[in-house]
PDB file of N, CA and C in Angstrom:
ATOM      1  N   UNK A   1      36.016 204.754 164.789  1.00  0.00           N
ATOM      2  CA  UNK A   1      34.964 203.935 164.382  1.00  0.00           C
ATOM      3  C   UNK A   1      33.604 204.083 165.399  1.00  0.00           C
ATOM      4  N   UNK A   2      34.020 204.959 166.310  1.00  0.00           N
ATOM      5  CA  UNK A   2      32.882 205.043 167.176  1.00  0.00           C
ATOM      6  C   UNK A   2      31.670 205.673 166.721  1.00  0.00           C
ATOM      7  N   UNK A   3      31.820 206.376 165.763  1.00  0.00           N
ATOM      8  CA  UNK A   3      30.197 206.946 165.033  1.00  0.00           C
ATOM      9  C   UNK A   3      29.605 205.821 164.218  1.00  0.00           C
ATOM     10  N   UNK A   4      30.233 204.605 163.728  1.00  0.00           N
ATOM     11  CA  UNK A   4      29.664 203.698 163.251  1.00  0.00           C
ATOM     12  C   UNK A   4      29.846 203.967 161.583  1.00  0.00           C
ATOM     13  N   UNK A   5      30.620 204.643 161.380  1.00  0.00           N
ATOM     14  CA  UNK A   5      31.017 204.828 159.906  1.00  0.00           C
ATOM     15  C   UNK A   5      32.234 203.980 159.614  1.00  0.00           C
ATOM     16  N   UNK A   6      32.013 203.225 158.474  1.00  0.00           N
ATOM     17  CA  UNK A   6      32.912 202.229 157.982  1.00  0.00           C
ATOM     18  C   UNK A   6      33.783 202.863 156.947  1.00  0.00           C
ATOM     19  N   UNK A   7      35.031 202.696 157.060  1.00  0.00           N
ATOM     20  CA  UNK A   7      35.822 203.415 155.751  1.00  0.00           C
ATOM     21  C   UNK A   7      36.149 202.140 154.774  1.00  0.00           C
ATOM     22  N   UNK A   8      35.914 202.590 153.470  1.00  0.00           N
ATOM     23  CA  UNK A   8      35.994 201.648 152.574  1.00  0.00           C
ATOM     24  C   UNK A   8      37.413 201.945 151.551  1.00  0.00           C
ATOM     25  N   UNK A   9      38.202 201.160 151.662  1.00  0.00           N
ATOM     26  CA  UNK A   9      39.334 201.645 150.870  1.00  0.00           C
ATOM     27  C   UNK A   9      39.282 201.597 149.388  1.00  0.00           C
ATOM     28  N   UNK A  10      40.427 202.222 148.717  1.00  0.00           N
ATOM     29  CA  UNK A  10      40.363 202.006 147.422  1.00  0.00           C
ATOM     30  C   UNK A  10      40.320 200.726 146.605  1.00  0.00           C
ATOM     31  N   UNK A  11      41.040 199.726 147.285  1.00  0.00           N
ATOM     32  CA  UNK A  11      41.251 198.289 146.875  1.00  0.00           C
ATOM     33  C   UNK A  11      39.859 197.801 146.905  1.00  0.00           C
ATOM     34  N   UNK A  12      39.044 198.147 148.169  1.00  0.00           N
ATOM     35  CA  UNK A  12      37.673 197.292 148.129  1.00  0.00           C
ATOM     36  C   UNK A  12      36.877 197.755 147.158  1.00  0.00           C
ATOM     37  N   UNK A  13      36.727 199.008 146.824  1.00  0.00           N
ATOM     38  CA  UNK A  13      36.079 199.427 145.608  1.00  0.00           C
ATOM     39  C   UNK A  13      36.416 198.793 144.135  1.00  0.00           C
ATOM     40  N   UNK A  14      37.638 198.605 144.001  1.00  0.00           N
ATOM     41  CA  UNK A  14      38.249 198.057 142.778  1.00  0.00           C
ATOM     42  C   UNK A  14      38.106 196.590 142.502  1.00  0.00           C
ATOM     43  N   UNK A  15      37.805 195.880 143.692  1.00  0.00           N
ATOM     44  CA  UNK A  15      37.705 194.341 143.592  1.00  0.00           C
ATOM     45  C   UNK A  15      36.523 193.832 142.616  1.00  0.00           C
ATOM     46  N   UNK A  16      35.282 194.296 142.801  1.00  0.00           N
ATOM     47  CA  UNK A  16      34.391 193.846 141.608  1.00  0.00           C
ATOM     48  C   UNK A  16      34.857 194.165 140.295  1.00  0.00           C
ATOM     49  N   UNK A  17      35.344 195.203 140.139  1.00  0.00           N
ATOM     50  CA  UNK A  17      35.772 195.751 138.657  1.00  0.00           C
ATOM     51  C   UNK A  17      37.073 194.717 138.227  1.00  0.00           C
ATOM     52  N   UNK A  18      37.743 194.488 138.920  1.00  0.00           N
ATOM     53  CA  UNK A  18      38.992 193.583 138.831  1.00  0.00           C
ATOM     54  C   UNK A  18      38.275 192.016 138.548  1.00  0.00           C
ATOM     55  N   UNK A  19      37.486 191.738 139.253  1.00  0.00           N
ATOM     56  CA  UNK A  19      36.867 190.545 139.112  1.00  0.00           C
ATOM     57  C   UNK A  19      35.993 190.240 137.717  1.00  0.00           C
ATOM     58  N   UNK A  20      35.344 191.254 137.426  1.00  0.00           N
ATOM     59  CA  UNK A  20      34.814 191.240 136.130  1.00  0.00           C
ATOM     60  C   UNK A  20      35.570 191.125 134.885  1.00  0.00           C
ATOM     61  N   UNK A  21      36.611 192.021 135.042  1.00  0.00           N
ATOM     62  CA  UNK A  21      37.518 192.210 133.974  1.00  0.00           C
ATOM     63  C   UNK A  21      38.401 191.030 133.777  1.00  0.00           C
ATOM     64  N   UNK A  22      38.775 190.267 134.768  1.00  0.00           N
ATOM     65  CA  UNK A  22      39.330 189.132 134.766  1.00  0.00           C
ATOM     66  C   UNK A  22      38.565 188.114 134.273  1.00  0.00           C
ATOM     67  N   UNK A  23      37.124 187.897 134.758  1.00  0.00           N
ATOM     68  CA  UNK A  23      36.171 187.058 134.093  1.00  0.00           C
ATOM     69  C   UNK A  23      36.158 187.314 132.569  1.00  0.00           C
ATOM     70  N   UNK A  24      36.077 188.545 131.872  1.00  0.00           N
ATOM     71  CA  UNK A  24      35.948 188.652 130.542  1.00  0.00           C
ATOM     72  C   UNK A  24      37.084 188.244 130.035  1.00  0.00           C
ATOM     73  N   UNK A  25      38.187 188.445 130.600  1.00  0.00           N
ATOM     74  CA  UNK A  25      39.707 188.047 129.851  1.00  0.00           C
ATOM     75  C   UNK A  25      39.597 186.424 129.835  1.00  0.00           C
ATOM     76  N   UNK A  26      39.044 185.853 131.001  1.00  0.00           N
ATOM     77  CA  UNK A  26      39.166 184.416 130.936  1.00  0.00           C
ATOM     78  C   UNK A  26      38.338 183.874 129.800  1.00  0.00           C
ATOM     79  N   UNK A  27      37.082 184.353 129.675  1.00  0.00           N
ATOM     80  CA  UNK A  27      36.010 183.852 128.741  1.00  0.00           C
ATOM     81  C   UNK A  27      36.709 184.094 127.217  1.00  0.00           C
ATOM     82  N   UNK A  28      37.235 185.352 126.944  1.00  0.00           N
ATOM     83  CA  UNK A  28      37.837 185.606 125.844  1.00  0.00           C
ATOM     84  C   UNK A  28      39.083 184.516 125.502  1.00  0.00           C
ATOM     85  N   UNK A  29      39.861 184.352 126.449  1.00  0.00           N
ATOM     86  CA  UNK A  29      40.921 183.510 126.422  1.00  0.00           C
ATOM     87  C   UNK A  29      40.651 182.075 126.233  1.00  0.00           C
ATOM     88  N   UNK A  30      39.502 181.513 126.765  1.00  0.00           N
ATOM     89  CA  UNK A  30      39.023 180.008 126.726  1.00  0.00           C
ATOM     90  C   UNK A  30      38.585 180.045 125.183  1.00  0.00           C
ATOM     91  N   UNK A  31      37.878 180.909 124.799  1.00  0.00           N
ATOM     92  CA  UNK A  31      37.217 181.044 123.317  1.00  0.00           C
ATOM     93  C   UNK A  31      38.465 180.814 122.441  1.00  0.00           C
ATOM     94  N   UNK A  32      39.404 181.675 122.707  1.00  0.00           N
ATOM     95  CA  UNK A  32      40.600 181.763 121.823  1.00  0.00           C
ATOM     96  C   UNK A  32      41.236 180.430 121.708  1.00  0.00           C
ATOM     97  N   UNK A  33      41.481 179.785 122.843  1.00  0.00           N
ATOM     98  CA  UNK A  33      42.135 178.489 122.935  1.00  0.00           C
ATOM     99  C   UNK A  33      41.339 177.500 122.265  1.00  0.00           C
ATOM    100  N   UNK A  34      40.040 177.630 122.507  1.00  0.00           N
ATOM    101  CA  UNK A  34      39.130 176.673 121.849  1.00  0.00           C
ATOM    102  C   UNK A  34      39.391 176.721 120.219  1.00  0.00           C
ATOM    103  N   UNK A  35      39.127 177.850 119.685  1.00  0.00           N
ATOM    104  CA  UNK A  35      39.341 178.130 118.371  1.00  0.00           C
ATOM    105  C   UNK A  35      40.763 177.520 117.720  1.00  0.00           C
ATOM    106  N   UNK A  36      41.851 177.585 118.580  1.00  0.00           N
ATOM    107  CA  UNK A  36      43.043 177.290 118.325  1.00  0.00           C
ATOM    108  C   UNK A  36      43.196 175.835 118.123  1.00  0.00           C
ATOM    109  N   UNK A  37      42.436 175.108 119.239  1.00  0.00           N
ATOM    110  CA  UNK A  37      42.488 173.484 119.196  1.00  0.00           C
ATOM    111  C   UNK A  37      41.588 172.982 118.086  1.00  0.00           C
ATOM    112  N   UNK A  38      40.581 173.793 117.636  1.00  0.00           N
ATOM    113  CA  UNK A  38      39.760 173.246 116.437  1.00  0.00           C
ATOM    114  C   UNK A  38      40.564 173.484 115.309  1.00  0.00           C
ATOM    115  N   UNK A  39      41.109 174.445 115.010  1.00  0.00           N
ATOM    116  CA  UNK A  39      41.977 174.788 113.790  1.00  0.00           C
ATOM    117  C   UNK A  39      42.993 173.891 113.796  1.00  0.00           C
ATOM    118  N   UNK A  40      43.808 173.675 114.878  1.00  0.00           N
ATOM    119  CA  UNK A  40      44.862 172.733 114.707  1.00  0.00           C
ATOM    120  C   UNK A  40      44.717 171.191 114.715  1.00  0.00           C
ATOM    121  N   UNK A  41      43.182 170.936 115.010  1.00  0.00           N
ATOM    122  CA  UNK A  41      42.904 169.452 114.981  1.00  0.00           C
ATOM    123  C   UNK A  41      42.611 169.083 113.472  1.00  0.00           C
ATOM    124  N   UNK A  42      42.138 170.259 112.711  1.00  0.00           N
ATOM    125  CA  UNK A  42      41.695 170.137 111.365  1.00  0.00           C
ATOM    126  C   UNK A  42      42.843 170.530 110.454  1.00  0.00           C
ATOM    127  N   UNK A  43      43.873 170.788 110.959  1.00  0.00           N
ATOM    128  CA  UNK A  43      45.143 170.998 110.071  1.00  0.00           C
ATOM    129  C   UNK A  43      45.530 169.857 109.119  1.00  0.00           C
ATOM    130  N   UNK A  44      46.218 170.221 108.110  1.00  0.00           N
ATOM    131  CA  UNK A  44      46.578 169.084 107.235  1.00  0.00           C
ATOM    132  C   UNK A  44      47.654 168.160 107.814  1.00  0.00           C
ATOM    133  N   UNK A  45      48.736 168.862 108.419  1.00  0.00           N
ATOM    134  CA  UNK A  45      49.851 168.357 108.964  1.00  0.00           C
ATOM    135  C   UNK A  45      49.687 168.107 110.645  1.00  0.00           C
ATOM    136  N   UNK A  46      48.629 167.124 110.969  1.00  0.00           N
ATOM    137  CA  UNK A  46      48.523 166.880 112.398  1.00  0.00           C
ATOM    138  C   UNK A  46      49.803 166.396 113.148  1.00  0.00           C
ATOM    139  N   UNK A  47      50.516 165.738 112.459  1.00  0.00           N
ATOM    140  CA  UNK A  47      51.566 164.942 113.071  1.00  0.00           C
ATOM    141  C   UNK A  47      52.761 165.940 113.558  1.00  0.00           C
ATOM    142  N   UNK A  48      52.693 167.109 113.138  1.00  0.00           N
ATOM    143  CA  UNK A  48      53.845 168.060 113.266  1.00  0.00           C
ATOM    144  C   UNK A  48      54.135 168.382 114.751  1.00  0.00           C
ATOM    145  N   UNK A  49      55.344 168.543 115.296  1.00  0.00           N
ATOM    146  CA  UNK A  49      55.598 168.509 116.708  1.00  0.00           C
ATOM    147  C   UNK A  49      54.973 170.106 117.100  1.00  0.00           C
ATOM    148  N   UNK A  50      55.268 170.982 116.171  1.00  0.00           N
ATOM    149  CA  UNK A  50      54.667 172.385 116.581  1.00  0.00           C
ATOM    150  C   UNK A  50      53.263 172.550 116.946  1.00  0.00           C
ATOM    151  N   UNK A  51      52.572 171.533 116.191  1.00  0.00           N
ATOM    152  CA  UNK A  51      50.855 171.409 116.333  1.00  0.00           C
ATOM    153  C   UNK A  51      50.876 170.970 117.698  1.00  0.00           C
ATOM    154  N   UNK A  52      51.536 169.846 117.989  1.00  0.00           N
ATOM    155  CA  UNK A  52      51.243 169.200 119.195  1.00  0.00           C
ATOM    156  C   UNK A  52      51.551 170.105 120.536  1.00  0.00           C
ATOM    157  N   UNK A  53      52.587 170.896 120.416  1.00  0.00           N
ATOM    158  CA  UNK A  53      53.061 171.792 121.213  1.00  0.00           C
ATOM    159  C   UNK A  53      52.012 173.046 121.379  1.00  0.00           C
ATOM    160  N   UNK A  54      51.565 173.428 120.277  1.00  0.00           N
ATOM    161  CA  UNK A  54      50.504 174.468 120.627  1.00  0.00           C
ATOM    162  C   UNK A  54      49.124 174.171 121.149  1.00  0.00           C
ATOM    163  N   UNK A  55      48.973 172.879 120.829  1.00  0.00           N
ATOM    164  CA  UNK A  55      47.553 172.404 121.465  1.00  0.00           C
ATOM    165  C   UNK A  55      47.808 172.127 122.788  1.00  0.00           C
ATOM    166  N   UNK A  56      48.855 171.843 123.127  1.00  0.00           N
ATOM    167  CA  UNK A  56      49.062 171.507 124.687  1.00  0.00           C
ATOM    168  C   UNK A  56      49.253 172.946 125.179  1.00  0.00           C
ATOM    169  N   UNK A  57      49.855 173.829 124.878  1.00  0.00           N
ATOM    170  CA  UNK A  57      49.800 175.125 125.200  1.00  0.00           C
ATOM    171  C   UNK A  57      48.358 175.867 125.404  1.00  0.00           C
ATOM    172  N   UNK A  58      47.474 175.458 124.692  1.00  0.00           N
ATOM    173  CA  UNK A  58      46.208 176.077 124.640  1.00  0.00           C
ATOM    174  C   UNK A  58      45.401 175.523 125.623  1.00  0.00           C
ATOM    175  N   UNK A  59      45.780 174.109 126.045  1.00  0.00           N
ATOM    176  CA  UNK A  59      45.135 173.261 127.037  1.00  0.00           C
ATOM    177  C   UNK A  59      45.492 173.807 128.364  1.00  0.00           C
ATOM    178  N   UNK A  60      46.763 174.143 128.411  1.00  0.00           N
ATOM    179  CA  UNK A  60      47.310 174.366 129.765  1.00  0.00           C
ATOM    180  C   UNK A  60      47.156 175.971 130.087  1.00  0.00           C
ATOM    181  N   UNK A  61      46.981 176.695 129.109  1.00  0.00           N
ATOM    182  CA  UNK A  61      46.493 178.134 129.411  1.00  0.00           C
ATOM    183  C   UNK A  61      45.048 178.102 129.463  1.00  0.00           C
ATOM    184  N   UNK A  62      44.260 177.357 129.045  1.00  0.00           N
ATOM    185  CA  UNK A  62      42.774 177.377 129.574  1.00  0.00           C
ATOM    186  C   UNK A  62      42.611 176.885 130.994  1.00  0.00           C
ATOM    187  N   UNK A  63      43.405 175.934 131.267  1.00  0.00           N
ATOM    188  CA  UNK A  63      43.447 175.471 132.835  1.00  0.00           C
ATOM    189  C   UNK A  63      43.971 176.525 133.564  1.00  0.00           C
ATOM    190  N   UNK A  64      45.054 177.265 133.313  1.00  0.00           N
ATOM    191  CA  UNK A  64      45.609 178.428 134.150  1.00  0.00           C
ATOM    192  C   UNK A  64      44.343 179.712 134.150  1.00  0.00           C
ATOM    193  N   UNK A  65      43.945 179.965 133.243  1.00  0.00           N
ATOM    194  CA  UNK A  65      42.924 180.903 133.377  1.00  0.00           C
ATOM    195  C   UNK A  65      41.866 180.772 134.288  1.00  0.00           C
ATOM    196  N   UNK A  66      41.270 179.484 134.112  1.00  0.00           N
ATOM    197  CA  UNK A  66      40.436 178.953 135.026  1.00  0.00           C
ATOM    198  C   UNK A  66      40.766 178.878 136.612  1.00  0.00           C
ATOM    199  N   UNK A  67      42.157 178.456 136.743  1.00  0.00           N
ATOM    200  CA  UNK A  67      42.401 178.519 138.224  1.00  0.00           C
ATOM    201  C   UNK A  67      42.584 179.931 138.625  1.00  0.00           C
ATOM    202  N   UNK A  68      43.170 180.797 137.950  1.00  0.00           N
ATOM    203  CA  UNK A  68      43.035 182.213 138.489  1.00  0.00           C
ATOM    204  C   UNK A  68      41.955 182.718 138.596  1.00  0.00           C
ATOM    205  N   UNK A  69      40.860 182.417 137.830  1.00  0.00           N
ATOM    206  CA  UNK A  69      39.718 183.126 137.873  1.00  0.00           C
ATOM    207  C   UNK A  69      38.829 182.537 139.225  1.00  0.00           C
ATOM    208  N   UNK A  70      39.103 181.167 139.428  1.00  0.00           N
ATOM    209  CA  UNK A  70      38.548 180.544 140.624  1.00  0.00           C
ATOM    210  C   UNK A  70      39.369 181.137 141.792  1.00  0.00           C
ATOM    211  N   UNK A  71      40.645 181.499 141.749  1.00  0.00           N
ATOM    212  CA  UNK A  71      41.247 181.973 143.074  1.00  0.00           C
ATOM    213  C   UNK A  71      40.969 183.143 143.353  1.00  0.00           C
ATOM    214  N   UNK A  72      40.707 184.197 142.390  1.00  0.00           N
ATOM    215  CA  UNK A  72      40.258 185.497 142.435  1.00  0.00           C
ATOM    216  C   UNK A  72      38.790 185.593 142.942  1.00  0.00           C
ATOM    217  N   UNK A  73      38.164 184.811 142.452  1.00  0.00           N
ATOM    218  CA  UNK A  73      36.682 184.517 142.773  1.00  0.00           C
ATOM    219  C   UNK A  73      36.634 184.312 144.261  1.00  0.00           C
ATOM    220  N   UNK A  74      37.406 183.237 144.725  1.00  0.00           N
ATOM    221  CA  UNK A  74      37.338 182.729 146.067  1.00  0.00           C
ATOM    222  C   UNK A  74      38.033 183.728 147.073  1.00  0.00           C
ATOM    223  N   UNK A  75      38.943 184.463 146.808  1.00  0.00           N
ATOM    224  CA  UNK A  75      39.507 185.432 147.428  1.00  0.00           C
ATOM    225  C   UNK A  75      38.607 186.738 147.646  1.00  0.00           C
ATOM    226  N   UNK A  76      37.884 187.064 146.723  1.00  0.00           N
ATOM    227  CA  UNK A  76      36.764 188.303 146.794  1.00  0.00           C
ATOM    228  C   UNK A  76      35.771 187.686 147.756  1.00  0.00           C
ATOM    229  N   UNK A  77      35.244 186.371 147.638  1.00  0.00           N
ATOM    230  CA  UNK A  77      34.262 186.016 148.660  1.00  0.00           C
ATOM    231  C   UNK A  77      34.761 186.043 149.846  1.00  0.00           C
ATOM    232  N   UNK A  78      35.951 185.635 150.086  1.00  0.00           N
ATOM    233  CA  UNK A  78      36.509 185.605 151.601  1.00  0.00           C
ATOM    234  C   UNK A  78      36.634 186.932 151.938  1.00  0.00           C
ATOM    235  N   UNK A  79      37.016 188.058 151.184  1.00  0.00           N
ATOM    236  CA  UNK A  79      37.106 189.083 151.700  1.00  0.00           C
ATOM    237  C   UNK A  79      35.811 189.747 151.968  1.00  0.00           C
ATOM    238  N   UNK A  80      34.847 189.400 150.971  1.00  0.00           N
ATOM    239  CA  UNK A  80      33.338 189.976 151.525  1.00  0.00           C
ATOM    240  C   UNK A  80      32.961 189.406 152.805  1.00  0.00           C
ATOM    241  N   UNK A  81      33.198 188.122 152.922  1.00  0.00           N
ATOM    242  CA  UNK A  81      32.759 187.448 154.209  1.00  0.00           C
ATOM    243  C   UNK A  81      33.459 188.150 155.325  1.00  0.00           C
ATOM    244  N   UNK A  82      34.745 188.460 155.406  1.00  0.00           N
ATOM    245  CA  UNK A  82      35.406 189.090 156.315  1.00  0.00           C
ATOM    246  C   UNK A  82      34.868 190.630 156.618  1.00  0.00           C
ATOM    247  N   UNK A  83      34.376 191.326 155.613  1.00  0.00           N
ATOM    248  CA  UNK A  83      34.106 192.700 155.705  1.00  0.00           C
ATOM    249  C   UNK A  83      32.488 192.484 156.291  1.00  0.00           C
ATOM    250  N   UNK A  84      31.740 191.591 155.897  1.00  0.00           N
ATOM    251  CA  UNK A  84      30.419 191.493 156.405  1.00  0.00           C
ATOM    252  C   UNK A  84      30.509 191.315 158.072  1.00  0.00           C
ATOM    253  N   UNK A  85      31.436 190.284 158.235  1.00  0.00           N
ATOM    254  CA  UNK A  85      31.681 189.870 159.933  1.00  0.00           C
ATOM    255  C   UNK A  85      32.163 191.046 160.583  1.00  0.00           C
ATOM    256  N   UNK A  86      33.073 192.052 159.978  1.00  0.00           N
ATOM    257  CA  UNK A  86      33.461 193.235 160.575  1.00  0.00           C
ATOM    258  C   UNK A  86      32.378 194.096 160.884  1.00  0.00           C
ATOM    259  N   UNK A  87      31.358 194.317 159.739  1.00  0.00           N
ATOM    260  CA  UNK A  87      30.390 195.142 159.804  1.00  0.00           C
ATOM    261  C   UNK A  87      29.246 194.623 160.824  1.00  0.00           C
ATOM    262  N   UNK A  88      29.011 193.417 160.881  1.00  0.00           N
ATOM    263  CA  UNK A  88      28.083 192.898 162.025  1.00  0.00           C
ATOM    264  C   UNK A  88      28.705 193.195 163.136  1.00  0.00           C
ATOM    265  N   UNK A  89      29.878 192.995 163.733  1.00  0.00           N
ATOM    266  CA  UNK A  89      30.524 193.161 164.897  1.00  0.00           C
ATOM    267  C   UNK A  89      30.502 194.643 165.248  1.00  0.00           C
ATOM    268  N   UNK A  90      30.833 195.440 164.167  1.00  0.00           N
ATOM    269  CA  UNK A  90      30.849 196.904 164.403  1.00  0.00           C
ATOM    270  C   UNK A  90      29.432 197.404 164.738  1.00  0.00           C
ATOM    271  N   UNK A  91      28.416 196.898 164.046  1.00  0.00           N
ATOM    272  CA  UNK A  91      27.149 197.420 164.244  1.00  0.00           C
ATOM    273  C   UNK A  91      26.349 197.077 165.593  1.00  0.00           C
ATOM    274  N   UNK A  92      26.843 195.766 166.060  1.00  0.00           N
ATOM    275  CA  UNK A  92      26.285 194.964 167.083  1.00  0.00           C
ATOM    276  C   UNK A  92      26.925 195.768 168.246  1.00  0.00           C
ATOM    277  N   UNK A  93      27.896 196.383 168.355  1.00  0.00           N
ATOM    278  CA  UNK A  93      28.505 197.191 169.472  1.00  0.00           C
ATOM    279  C   UNK A  93      28.134 198.515 169.608  1.00  0.00           C
ATOM    280  N   UNK A  94      27.169 199.129 168.674  1.00  0.00           N
ATOM    281  CA  UNK A  94      26.893 200.528 168.775  1.00  0.00           C
ATOM    282  C   UNK A  94      25.488 200.641 169.653  1.00  0.00           C
TER     283      UNK A  94
END
């Protein structure tokens, strides 16, 4: 690294793609879960145990999708911060 060239790994180039893909999957999943909740709320047999379980599953799935999306976003931000810190240290020593 004496010439100031920073090697970018394959993982670093794919992180933004993975984050956008995960965001799209999270949005589609949340919309699907919302549609499921609306349909099951208006079902004629609301007191059915299966309907209650499906509604609970839709809520938990939405929470899980959001948690994973936040975790990936936070991980990406931390990785970017570490990369910028590394670049600043590397460039300041040149």
